[in-house]
N, C-alpha and C. Protein backbone atom coordinates (compact mmCIF):
# COMPACT_ATOMS: atom_id res chain seq x y z
N GLU A 1 59.45 127.59 -45.91
CA GLU A 1 60.46 126.57 -45.88
C GLU A 1 61.34 126.73 -44.62
N ILE A 2 61.83 127.93 -44.36
CA ILE A 2 62.63 128.16 -43.16
C ILE A 2 61.80 127.90 -41.92
N ARG A 3 60.53 128.34 -41.96
CA ARG A 3 59.64 128.15 -40.82
C ARG A 3 59.49 126.67 -40.49
N GLU A 4 59.25 125.83 -41.51
CA GLU A 4 59.05 124.41 -41.26
C GLU A 4 60.34 123.71 -40.84
N SER A 5 61.45 124.02 -41.51
CA SER A 5 62.70 123.32 -41.22
C SER A 5 63.27 123.69 -39.86
N ASN A 6 62.83 124.78 -39.26
CA ASN A 6 63.34 125.18 -37.95
C ASN A 6 62.29 125.11 -36.85
N ASP A 7 61.13 124.55 -37.17
CA ASP A 7 60.08 124.34 -36.18
C ASP A 7 59.71 125.62 -35.43
N PHE A 8 59.47 126.72 -36.19
CA PHE A 8 59.09 127.99 -35.59
C PHE A 8 57.61 128.01 -35.20
N GLY A 9 56.85 127.11 -35.80
CA GLY A 9 55.42 127.07 -35.51
C GLY A 9 54.75 128.39 -35.84
N GLU A 10 53.93 128.87 -34.93
CA GLU A 10 53.17 130.11 -35.15
C GLU A 10 53.89 131.35 -34.62
N LYS A 11 55.09 131.18 -34.07
CA LYS A 11 55.84 132.34 -33.56
C LYS A 11 56.06 133.35 -34.68
N LYS A 12 56.09 134.61 -34.29
CA LYS A 12 56.50 135.64 -35.24
C LYS A 12 57.99 135.44 -35.48
N LEU A 13 58.40 135.59 -36.72
CA LEU A 13 59.79 135.31 -37.07
C LEU A 13 60.79 136.10 -36.22
N TYR A 14 60.45 137.37 -35.88
CA TYR A 14 61.41 138.17 -35.09
C TYR A 14 61.51 137.70 -33.64
N ASP A 15 60.62 136.80 -33.21
CA ASP A 15 60.71 136.23 -31.85
C ASP A 15 61.50 134.93 -31.83
N THR A 16 62.10 134.55 -32.94
CA THR A 16 62.85 133.31 -33.04
C THR A 16 64.35 133.59 -32.99
N LYS A 17 65.13 132.55 -32.89
CA LYS A 17 66.59 132.67 -32.92
C LYS A 17 67.04 133.34 -34.23
N LEU A 18 66.43 132.94 -35.33
CA LEU A 18 66.76 133.55 -36.62
C LEU A 18 66.45 135.05 -36.62
N GLY A 19 65.32 135.42 -36.03
CA GLY A 19 64.96 136.83 -35.92
C GLY A 19 65.95 137.61 -35.08
N ARG A 20 66.42 137.00 -33.99
CA ARG A 20 67.41 137.67 -33.14
C ARG A 20 68.74 137.82 -33.87
N ILE A 21 69.10 136.85 -34.69
CA ILE A 21 70.32 136.97 -35.49
C ILE A 21 70.17 138.08 -36.53
N ALA A 22 69.00 138.17 -37.13
CA ALA A 22 68.75 139.26 -38.08
C ALA A 22 68.88 140.61 -37.37
N ASP A 23 68.37 140.71 -36.15
CA ASP A 23 68.54 141.95 -35.35
C ASP A 23 70.01 142.24 -35.10
N MET A 24 70.78 141.19 -34.80
CA MET A 24 72.21 141.37 -34.55
C MET A 24 72.92 141.88 -35.80
N ILE A 25 72.55 141.36 -36.95
CA ILE A 25 73.15 141.80 -38.21
C ILE A 25 72.85 143.28 -38.42
N SER A 26 71.60 143.65 -38.25
CA SER A 26 71.20 145.04 -38.41
C SER A 26 71.91 145.94 -37.41
N SER A 27 71.99 145.51 -36.16
CA SER A 27 72.66 146.30 -35.12
C SER A 27 74.15 146.43 -35.38
N THR A 28 74.76 145.35 -35.83
CA THR A 28 76.20 145.37 -36.12
C THR A 28 76.48 146.31 -37.28
N SER A 29 75.60 146.31 -38.25
CA SER A 29 75.74 147.24 -39.37
C SER A 29 75.59 148.68 -38.90
N ALA A 30 74.60 148.95 -38.05
CA ALA A 30 74.35 150.31 -37.56
C ALA A 30 75.51 150.85 -36.74
N THR A 31 76.11 149.98 -35.94
CA THR A 31 77.22 150.43 -35.08
C THR A 31 78.58 150.32 -35.77
N LYS A 32 78.58 149.64 -36.92
CA LYS A 32 79.82 149.40 -37.67
C LYS A 32 80.85 148.61 -36.85
N ALA A 33 80.33 147.73 -35.97
CA ALA A 33 81.21 146.91 -35.13
C ALA A 33 82.00 145.89 -35.95
N LEU A 34 81.40 145.41 -37.05
CA LEU A 34 82.05 144.49 -37.96
C LEU A 34 81.64 144.87 -39.38
N SER A 35 82.47 144.50 -40.35
CA SER A 35 82.10 144.70 -41.74
C SER A 35 81.12 143.60 -42.14
N TYR A 36 80.47 143.76 -43.29
CA TYR A 36 79.57 142.71 -43.77
C TYR A 36 80.35 141.42 -44.03
N ASP A 37 81.54 141.53 -44.56
CA ASP A 37 82.36 140.33 -44.78
C ASP A 37 82.63 139.61 -43.46
N GLN A 38 82.93 140.36 -42.42
CA GLN A 38 83.19 139.75 -41.12
C GLN A 38 81.93 139.08 -40.56
N MET A 39 80.77 139.72 -40.77
CA MET A 39 79.52 139.11 -40.30
C MET A 39 79.24 137.82 -41.04
N VAL A 40 79.48 137.80 -42.33
CA VAL A 40 79.28 136.57 -43.12
C VAL A 40 80.21 135.48 -42.58
N GLU A 41 81.44 135.84 -42.27
CA GLU A 41 82.40 134.88 -41.72
C GLU A 41 81.90 134.30 -40.39
N VAL A 42 81.32 135.16 -39.53
CA VAL A 42 80.74 134.68 -38.27
C VAL A 42 79.66 133.65 -38.55
N MET A 43 78.80 133.93 -39.50
CA MET A 43 77.69 133.02 -39.81
C MET A 43 78.19 131.72 -40.42
N ILE A 44 79.18 131.79 -41.29
CA ILE A 44 79.73 130.58 -41.91
C ILE A 44 80.35 129.67 -40.85
N LYS A 45 81.10 130.28 -39.93
CA LYS A 45 81.75 129.48 -38.89
C LYS A 45 80.76 128.92 -37.88
N ALA A 46 79.61 129.55 -37.75
CA ALA A 46 78.60 129.07 -36.78
C ALA A 46 77.98 127.75 -37.21
N GLU A 47 77.84 127.52 -38.48
CA GLU A 47 77.27 126.31 -39.06
C GLU A 47 75.77 126.14 -38.83
N ASN A 48 75.24 126.52 -37.67
CA ASN A 48 73.80 126.43 -37.43
C ASN A 48 73.38 127.49 -36.41
N LEU A 49 72.09 127.68 -36.25
CA LEU A 49 71.57 128.73 -35.38
C LEU A 49 71.96 128.54 -33.92
N GLU A 50 72.00 127.28 -33.47
CA GLU A 50 72.31 127.02 -32.07
C GLU A 50 73.75 127.40 -31.70
N ASN A 51 74.67 127.29 -32.66
CA ASN A 51 76.08 127.59 -32.38
C ASN A 51 76.48 129.01 -32.74
N PHE A 52 75.53 129.81 -33.18
CA PHE A 52 75.85 131.14 -33.67
C PHE A 52 76.66 131.97 -32.68
N GLU A 53 76.20 132.05 -31.44
CA GLU A 53 76.86 132.92 -30.47
C GLU A 53 78.22 132.40 -30.01
N LYS A 54 78.55 131.16 -30.34
CA LYS A 54 79.86 130.59 -30.00
C LYS A 54 80.89 130.85 -31.09
N SER A 55 80.44 131.34 -32.22
CA SER A 55 81.31 131.60 -33.36
C SER A 55 82.25 132.77 -33.05
N PRO A 56 83.49 132.72 -33.59
CA PRO A 56 84.42 133.84 -33.36
C PRO A 56 83.82 135.16 -33.82
N HIS A 57 83.93 136.17 -33.03
CA HIS A 57 83.46 137.55 -33.26
C HIS A 57 81.95 137.71 -33.11
N ALA A 58 81.23 136.64 -32.82
CA ALA A 58 79.79 136.77 -32.59
C ALA A 58 79.54 137.65 -31.37
N ASP A 59 80.50 137.67 -30.42
CA ASP A 59 80.35 138.52 -29.24
C ASP A 59 80.22 140.00 -29.63
N LYS A 60 80.89 140.41 -30.70
CA LYS A 60 80.78 141.80 -31.16
C LYS A 60 79.38 142.08 -31.70
N MET A 61 78.79 141.07 -32.31
CA MET A 61 77.43 141.23 -32.82
C MET A 61 76.43 141.28 -31.67
N VAL A 62 76.65 140.48 -30.65
CA VAL A 62 75.79 140.49 -29.46
C VAL A 62 75.89 141.84 -28.77
N GLU A 63 77.12 142.35 -28.60
CA GLU A 63 77.32 143.66 -27.96
C GLU A 63 76.67 144.78 -28.77
N ALA A 64 76.81 144.74 -30.09
CA ALA A 64 76.19 145.75 -30.95
C ALA A 64 74.68 145.72 -30.80
N ASN A 65 74.12 144.52 -30.68
CA ASN A 65 72.68 144.38 -30.52
C ASN A 65 72.22 145.01 -29.21
N ILE A 66 72.99 144.84 -28.16
CA ILE A 66 72.65 145.44 -26.86
C ILE A 66 72.67 146.96 -26.97
N VAL A 67 73.69 147.50 -27.61
CA VAL A 67 73.80 148.96 -27.80
C VAL A 67 72.58 149.49 -28.54
N ILE A 68 72.22 148.85 -29.65
CA ILE A 68 71.10 149.32 -30.47
C ILE A 68 69.77 149.12 -29.75
N ARG A 69 69.61 148.03 -29.04
CA ARG A 69 68.36 147.83 -28.28
C ARG A 69 68.19 148.94 -27.23
N ASN A 70 69.27 149.29 -26.55
CA ASN A 70 69.21 150.36 -25.56
C ASN A 70 68.89 151.70 -26.22
N GLU A 71 69.54 151.97 -27.35
CA GLU A 71 69.28 153.21 -28.08
C GLU A 71 67.83 153.25 -28.55
N MET A 72 67.33 152.15 -29.07
CA MET A 72 65.94 152.09 -29.53
C MET A 72 64.97 152.34 -28.38
N GLN A 73 65.24 151.76 -27.22
CA GLN A 73 64.35 151.97 -26.08
C GLN A 73 64.36 153.43 -25.65
N THR A 74 65.53 154.06 -25.66
CA THR A 74 65.63 155.48 -25.33
C THR A 74 64.82 156.31 -26.32
N LEU A 75 64.94 155.98 -27.61
CA LEU A 75 64.21 156.72 -28.65
C LEU A 75 62.70 156.50 -28.53
N VAL A 76 62.28 155.27 -28.28
CA VAL A 76 60.84 154.98 -28.12
C VAL A 76 60.29 155.78 -26.94
N ASP A 77 61.00 155.76 -25.83
CA ASP A 77 60.55 156.50 -24.64
C ASP A 77 60.45 158.00 -24.94
N ASP A 78 61.48 158.54 -25.61
CA ASP A 78 61.47 159.96 -25.95
C ASP A 78 60.32 160.27 -26.91
N ALA A 79 60.13 159.43 -27.91
CA ALA A 79 59.06 159.65 -28.88
C ALA A 79 57.69 159.63 -28.19
N GLU A 80 57.49 158.66 -27.32
CA GLU A 80 56.21 158.57 -26.61
C GLU A 80 55.90 159.86 -25.85
N ASN A 81 56.93 160.49 -25.32
CA ASN A 81 56.75 161.71 -24.52
C ASN A 81 56.74 163.00 -25.32
N THR A 82 57.39 163.01 -26.49
CA THR A 82 57.57 164.28 -27.19
C THR A 82 57.01 164.35 -28.60
N MET A 83 56.56 163.24 -29.17
CA MET A 83 56.14 163.31 -30.57
C MET A 83 54.89 164.18 -30.74
N GLU A 84 54.87 164.83 -31.87
CA GLU A 84 53.74 165.69 -32.25
C GLU A 84 52.61 164.79 -32.72
N ARG A 85 51.40 165.10 -32.28
CA ARG A 85 50.23 164.29 -32.66
C ARG A 85 49.19 165.22 -33.29
N ASN A 86 48.85 164.90 -34.53
CA ASN A 86 47.87 165.68 -35.29
C ASN A 86 46.85 164.73 -35.89
N GLY A 87 45.76 164.47 -35.18
CA GLY A 87 44.77 163.51 -35.66
C GLY A 87 45.40 162.14 -35.79
N LYS A 88 45.39 161.59 -37.02
CA LYS A 88 45.94 160.26 -37.25
C LYS A 88 47.44 160.28 -37.53
N VAL A 89 48.07 161.44 -37.49
CA VAL A 89 49.49 161.57 -37.82
C VAL A 89 50.31 161.80 -36.56
N MET A 90 51.36 161.00 -36.42
CA MET A 90 52.29 161.12 -35.30
C MET A 90 53.67 161.39 -35.88
N ILE A 91 54.34 162.44 -35.35
CA ILE A 91 55.59 162.91 -35.95
C ILE A 91 56.67 163.00 -34.88
N TYR A 92 57.85 162.47 -35.22
CA TYR A 92 58.97 162.50 -34.27
C TYR A 92 60.26 162.84 -35.01
N ASN A 93 61.01 163.78 -34.45
CA ASN A 93 62.31 164.15 -34.98
C ASN A 93 63.38 163.33 -34.25
N ILE A 94 63.91 162.34 -34.94
CA ILE A 94 64.89 161.45 -34.33
C ILE A 94 66.25 162.14 -34.22
N LYS A 95 66.87 161.96 -33.08
CA LYS A 95 68.23 162.47 -32.86
C LYS A 95 69.05 161.31 -32.32
N SER A 96 69.81 160.69 -33.21
CA SER A 96 70.62 159.53 -32.84
C SER A 96 71.85 159.49 -33.74
N LYS A 97 72.94 158.99 -33.20
CA LYS A 97 74.14 158.84 -34.04
C LYS A 97 74.04 157.61 -34.94
N TYR A 98 73.00 156.81 -34.74
CA TYR A 98 72.79 155.62 -35.55
C TYR A 98 71.63 155.86 -36.52
N ASN A 99 71.64 155.18 -37.64
CA ASN A 99 70.59 155.30 -38.64
C ASN A 99 69.44 154.37 -38.24
N LEU A 100 68.52 154.88 -37.42
CA LEU A 100 67.45 154.05 -36.87
C LEU A 100 66.06 154.55 -37.23
N SER A 101 65.94 155.45 -38.19
CA SER A 101 64.63 155.99 -38.56
C SER A 101 63.66 154.90 -38.98
N SER A 102 64.09 154.01 -39.85
CA SER A 102 63.22 152.96 -40.35
C SER A 102 62.78 151.99 -39.24
N PRO A 103 63.71 151.41 -38.47
CA PRO A 103 63.24 150.51 -37.41
C PRO A 103 62.43 151.22 -36.33
N LEU A 104 62.74 152.49 -36.07
CA LEU A 104 61.96 153.22 -35.07
C LEU A 104 60.54 153.47 -35.57
N SER A 105 60.39 153.83 -36.84
CA SER A 105 59.04 154.05 -37.37
C SER A 105 58.24 152.74 -37.34
N THR A 106 58.90 151.62 -37.61
CA THR A 106 58.22 150.33 -37.54
C THR A 106 57.79 150.03 -36.10
N LYS A 107 58.69 150.22 -35.15
CA LYS A 107 58.39 149.93 -33.75
C LYS A 107 57.24 150.80 -33.24
N LEU A 108 57.29 152.09 -33.52
CA LEU A 108 56.22 152.97 -33.05
C LEU A 108 54.89 152.66 -33.73
N SER A 109 54.95 152.28 -35.00
CA SER A 109 53.69 151.97 -35.70
C SER A 109 53.05 150.70 -35.16
N GLU A 110 53.83 149.82 -34.58
CA GLU A 110 53.25 148.64 -33.94
C GLU A 110 52.43 149.05 -32.72
N ASN A 111 52.85 150.13 -32.05
CA ASN A 111 52.12 150.65 -30.89
C ASN A 111 50.89 151.47 -31.31
N TYR A 112 50.94 152.03 -32.52
CA TYR A 112 49.86 152.89 -33.03
C TYR A 112 49.50 152.45 -34.45
N PRO A 113 48.95 151.25 -34.62
CA PRO A 113 48.76 150.68 -35.95
C PRO A 113 47.83 151.47 -36.88
N LYS A 114 46.88 152.21 -36.34
CA LYS A 114 45.93 152.95 -37.18
C LYS A 114 46.40 154.37 -37.49
N ASN A 115 47.56 154.75 -36.97
CA ASN A 115 48.10 156.08 -37.21
C ASN A 115 49.18 156.03 -38.28
N LEU A 116 49.42 157.16 -38.92
CA LEU A 116 50.55 157.29 -39.82
C LEU A 116 51.69 157.85 -38.97
N VAL A 117 52.73 157.06 -38.78
CA VAL A 117 53.87 157.46 -37.97
C VAL A 117 54.97 157.97 -38.90
N LEU A 118 55.43 159.19 -38.64
CA LEU A 118 56.52 159.80 -39.41
C LEU A 118 57.72 160.01 -38.50
N ILE A 119 58.86 159.53 -38.95
CA ILE A 119 60.12 159.78 -38.25
C ILE A 119 60.98 160.57 -39.22
N TYR A 120 61.48 161.73 -38.79
CA TYR A 120 62.28 162.53 -39.71
C TYR A 120 63.60 162.94 -39.08
N GLN A 121 64.55 163.21 -39.98
CA GLN A 121 65.90 163.59 -39.53
C GLN A 121 66.57 164.38 -40.65
N VAL A 122 67.22 165.47 -40.29
CA VAL A 122 67.99 166.23 -41.27
C VAL A 122 69.36 165.58 -41.37
N THR A 123 69.75 165.25 -42.60
CA THR A 123 71.08 164.71 -42.86
C THR A 123 71.69 165.52 -44.00
N GLY A 124 72.69 166.30 -43.67
CA GLY A 124 73.31 167.17 -44.67
C GLY A 124 72.32 168.22 -45.12
N ASN A 125 72.12 168.34 -46.43
CA ASN A 125 71.20 169.34 -46.96
C ASN A 125 69.84 168.74 -47.33
N ARG A 126 69.54 167.57 -46.79
CA ARG A 126 68.26 166.90 -47.06
C ARG A 126 67.58 166.51 -45.75
N LEU A 127 66.27 166.46 -45.81
CA LEU A 127 65.49 165.98 -44.69
C LEU A 127 64.88 164.66 -45.14
N LYS A 128 65.15 163.60 -44.38
CA LYS A 128 64.67 162.27 -44.73
C LYS A 128 63.55 161.87 -43.78
N VAL A 129 62.52 161.27 -44.35
CA VAL A 129 61.34 160.88 -43.58
C VAL A 129 61.05 159.40 -43.81
N SER A 130 60.78 158.69 -42.73
CA SER A 130 60.36 157.30 -42.80
C SER A 130 58.95 157.24 -42.22
N SER A 131 58.03 156.57 -42.91
CA SER A 131 56.66 156.50 -42.41
C SER A 131 56.17 155.06 -42.40
N ARG A 132 55.23 154.79 -41.47
CA ARG A 132 54.63 153.47 -41.37
C ARG A 132 53.16 153.61 -40.99
N ASN A 133 52.35 152.66 -41.46
CA ASN A 133 50.95 152.54 -41.08
C ASN A 133 50.61 151.05 -41.12
N GLN A 134 50.68 150.40 -39.98
CA GLN A 134 50.50 148.94 -39.90
C GLN A 134 49.11 148.49 -40.33
N ALA A 135 48.09 149.25 -40.00
CA ALA A 135 46.72 148.84 -40.32
C ALA A 135 46.39 149.05 -41.80
N LYS A 136 47.23 149.78 -42.49
CA LYS A 136 47.04 150.08 -43.92
C LYS A 136 45.73 150.82 -44.19
N ASN A 137 45.24 151.53 -43.17
CA ASN A 137 44.04 152.35 -43.35
C ASN A 137 44.40 153.72 -43.96
N ILE A 138 45.68 154.03 -43.99
CA ILE A 138 46.20 155.22 -44.66
C ILE A 138 47.30 154.72 -45.58
N ASP A 139 47.23 155.00 -46.86
CA ASP A 139 48.23 154.51 -47.81
C ASP A 139 49.49 155.37 -47.69
N ALA A 140 50.44 154.89 -46.91
CA ALA A 140 51.67 155.65 -46.64
C ALA A 140 52.41 156.02 -47.93
N GLY A 141 52.48 155.10 -48.87
CA GLY A 141 53.19 155.37 -50.12
C GLY A 141 52.58 156.51 -50.91
N LYS A 142 51.27 156.51 -51.05
CA LYS A 142 50.59 157.57 -51.79
C LYS A 142 50.70 158.91 -51.06
N VAL A 143 50.50 158.89 -49.75
CA VAL A 143 50.57 160.13 -48.97
C VAL A 143 51.97 160.74 -49.06
N MET A 144 52.99 159.92 -48.86
CA MET A 144 54.37 160.43 -48.90
C MET A 144 54.73 160.91 -50.30
N GLY A 145 54.32 160.16 -51.30
CA GLY A 145 54.60 160.54 -52.68
C GLY A 145 53.98 161.87 -53.05
N ARG A 146 52.70 162.04 -52.73
CA ARG A 146 52.00 163.29 -53.05
C ARG A 146 52.60 164.48 -52.30
N ALA A 147 52.84 164.31 -51.01
CA ALA A 147 53.36 165.42 -50.20
C ALA A 147 54.78 165.80 -50.64
N ALA A 148 55.61 164.81 -50.94
CA ALA A 148 56.98 165.09 -51.38
C ALA A 148 56.98 165.80 -52.72
N LYS A 149 56.16 165.33 -53.64
CA LYS A 149 56.08 165.95 -54.97
C LYS A 149 55.62 167.40 -54.86
N ALA A 150 54.69 167.68 -53.94
CA ALA A 150 54.16 169.03 -53.76
C ALA A 150 55.23 170.03 -53.33
N VAL A 151 56.31 169.53 -52.70
CA VAL A 151 57.37 170.44 -52.23
C VAL A 151 58.68 170.25 -53.00
N GLY A 152 58.61 169.55 -54.14
CA GLY A 152 59.79 169.38 -54.97
C GLY A 152 60.74 168.29 -54.51
N GLY A 153 60.26 167.40 -53.65
CA GLY A 153 61.09 166.29 -53.18
C GLY A 153 60.72 165.00 -53.87
N SER A 154 61.18 163.91 -53.32
CA SER A 154 60.83 162.60 -53.86
C SER A 154 60.35 161.72 -52.72
N GLY A 155 59.41 160.85 -53.04
CA GLY A 155 58.89 159.97 -52.01
C GLY A 155 57.99 158.91 -52.59
N GLY A 156 57.72 157.91 -51.78
CA GLY A 156 56.84 156.83 -52.19
C GLY A 156 57.10 155.60 -51.37
N GLY A 157 56.48 154.52 -51.79
CA GLY A 157 56.60 153.26 -51.08
C GLY A 157 55.34 152.46 -51.31
N HIS A 158 54.89 151.78 -50.28
CA HIS A 158 53.65 151.02 -50.40
C HIS A 158 52.71 151.41 -49.27
N ASP A 159 51.59 150.74 -49.16
CA ASP A 159 50.56 151.18 -48.22
C ASP A 159 50.99 151.15 -46.75
N ALA A 160 51.87 150.25 -46.37
CA ALA A 160 52.26 150.15 -44.96
C ALA A 160 53.58 150.85 -44.62
N ALA A 161 54.43 151.09 -45.63
CA ALA A 161 55.74 151.69 -45.35
C ALA A 161 56.18 152.55 -46.53
N ALA A 162 56.71 153.72 -46.21
CA ALA A 162 57.14 154.63 -47.27
C ALA A 162 58.19 155.58 -46.73
N GLY A 163 58.80 156.31 -47.65
CA GLY A 163 59.81 157.28 -47.26
C GLY A 163 59.77 158.47 -48.19
N ALA A 164 60.48 159.52 -47.79
CA ALA A 164 60.57 160.72 -48.62
C ALA A 164 61.86 161.45 -48.28
N THR A 165 62.33 162.20 -49.27
CA THR A 165 63.47 163.08 -49.08
C THR A 165 63.07 164.44 -49.62
N ILE A 166 63.24 165.47 -48.79
CA ILE A 166 62.87 166.83 -49.17
C ILE A 166 63.93 167.80 -48.70
N ALA A 167 63.84 169.04 -49.17
CA ALA A 167 64.71 170.10 -48.66
C ALA A 167 64.24 170.47 -47.26
N PRO A 168 65.16 170.69 -46.31
CA PRO A 168 64.75 171.02 -44.94
C PRO A 168 63.83 172.23 -44.84
N ASP A 169 64.02 173.22 -45.70
CA ASP A 169 63.17 174.42 -45.62
C ASP A 169 61.74 174.17 -46.11
N LYS A 170 61.47 172.98 -46.61
CA LYS A 170 60.13 172.61 -47.07
C LYS A 170 59.38 171.76 -46.05
N TRP A 171 59.99 171.53 -44.90
CA TRP A 171 59.41 170.64 -43.90
C TRP A 171 58.00 171.05 -43.47
N GLU A 172 57.79 172.30 -43.09
CA GLU A 172 56.48 172.71 -42.60
C GLU A 172 55.39 172.51 -43.65
N GLU A 173 55.68 172.87 -44.88
CA GLU A 173 54.72 172.69 -45.97
C GLU A 173 54.44 171.20 -46.20
N PHE A 174 55.50 170.39 -46.20
CA PHE A 174 55.38 168.93 -46.37
C PHE A 174 54.52 168.35 -45.25
N LYS A 175 54.84 168.73 -44.02
CA LYS A 175 54.12 168.21 -42.85
C LYS A 175 52.64 168.58 -42.91
N GLU A 176 52.32 169.81 -43.24
CA GLU A 176 50.92 170.23 -43.33
C GLU A 176 50.17 169.46 -44.41
N THR A 177 50.84 169.18 -45.53
CA THR A 177 50.22 168.39 -46.60
C THR A 177 49.92 166.98 -46.12
N ILE A 178 50.88 166.37 -45.43
CA ILE A 178 50.68 165.02 -44.87
C ILE A 178 49.49 165.01 -43.92
N ILE A 179 49.45 165.96 -43.01
CA ILE A 179 48.38 166.02 -42.01
C ILE A 179 47.02 166.17 -42.69
N LYS A 180 46.96 167.03 -43.70
CA LYS A 180 45.70 167.26 -44.41
C LYS A 180 45.24 166.00 -45.14
N ILE A 181 46.15 165.35 -45.86
CA ILE A 181 45.79 164.15 -46.63
C ILE A 181 45.42 163.00 -45.70
N ALA A 182 46.22 162.75 -44.69
CA ALA A 182 46.01 161.59 -43.80
C ALA A 182 44.77 161.71 -42.94
N ASN A 183 44.37 162.93 -42.62
CA ASN A 183 43.22 163.12 -41.74
C ASN A 183 41.90 163.36 -42.46
N LYS A 184 41.90 163.21 -43.80
CA LYS A 184 40.64 163.33 -44.54
C LYS A 184 39.69 162.24 -44.08
N LYS A 185 38.44 162.51 -44.07
CA LYS A 185 37.35 161.59 -43.71
C LYS A 185 37.04 161.64 -42.27
């Protein structure tokens, strides 16, 4: 319905004005440049997609998007150069002041669709992992669920995207389980 009413045609949704606004919302949330209530107010005052950037405070959303896009590019570049590669498994330890594990795992998996991409980060006393497999040739949900359960953590999702939370001292065991399961066959 949105696709037809806005004449997006065959474009991928994230390549449209609506997709860019969704990116701005996500970026604004990540940088905490505006509250969700303030973002809703920006959208209400915009009235339509074409006037969005003219709405009061939309400039803060545009600026937040620039910050996050730059941070994402820095992370992608660093991951490309430093991520651990074990057969079909690619692993990267994200270091960012923003919560970008999920979008980074999605972005990297677009570059490596047949691989299981893992992005991990220690937060407090837990290690959080985001995984993606665009080709769905490795069931990310099952792999993450089994590996997390094996080390006393929790995990799961679906075939293309999944996550897990484990104790940091269980990382090596978790990682080895993932590598073993994902590289079977």
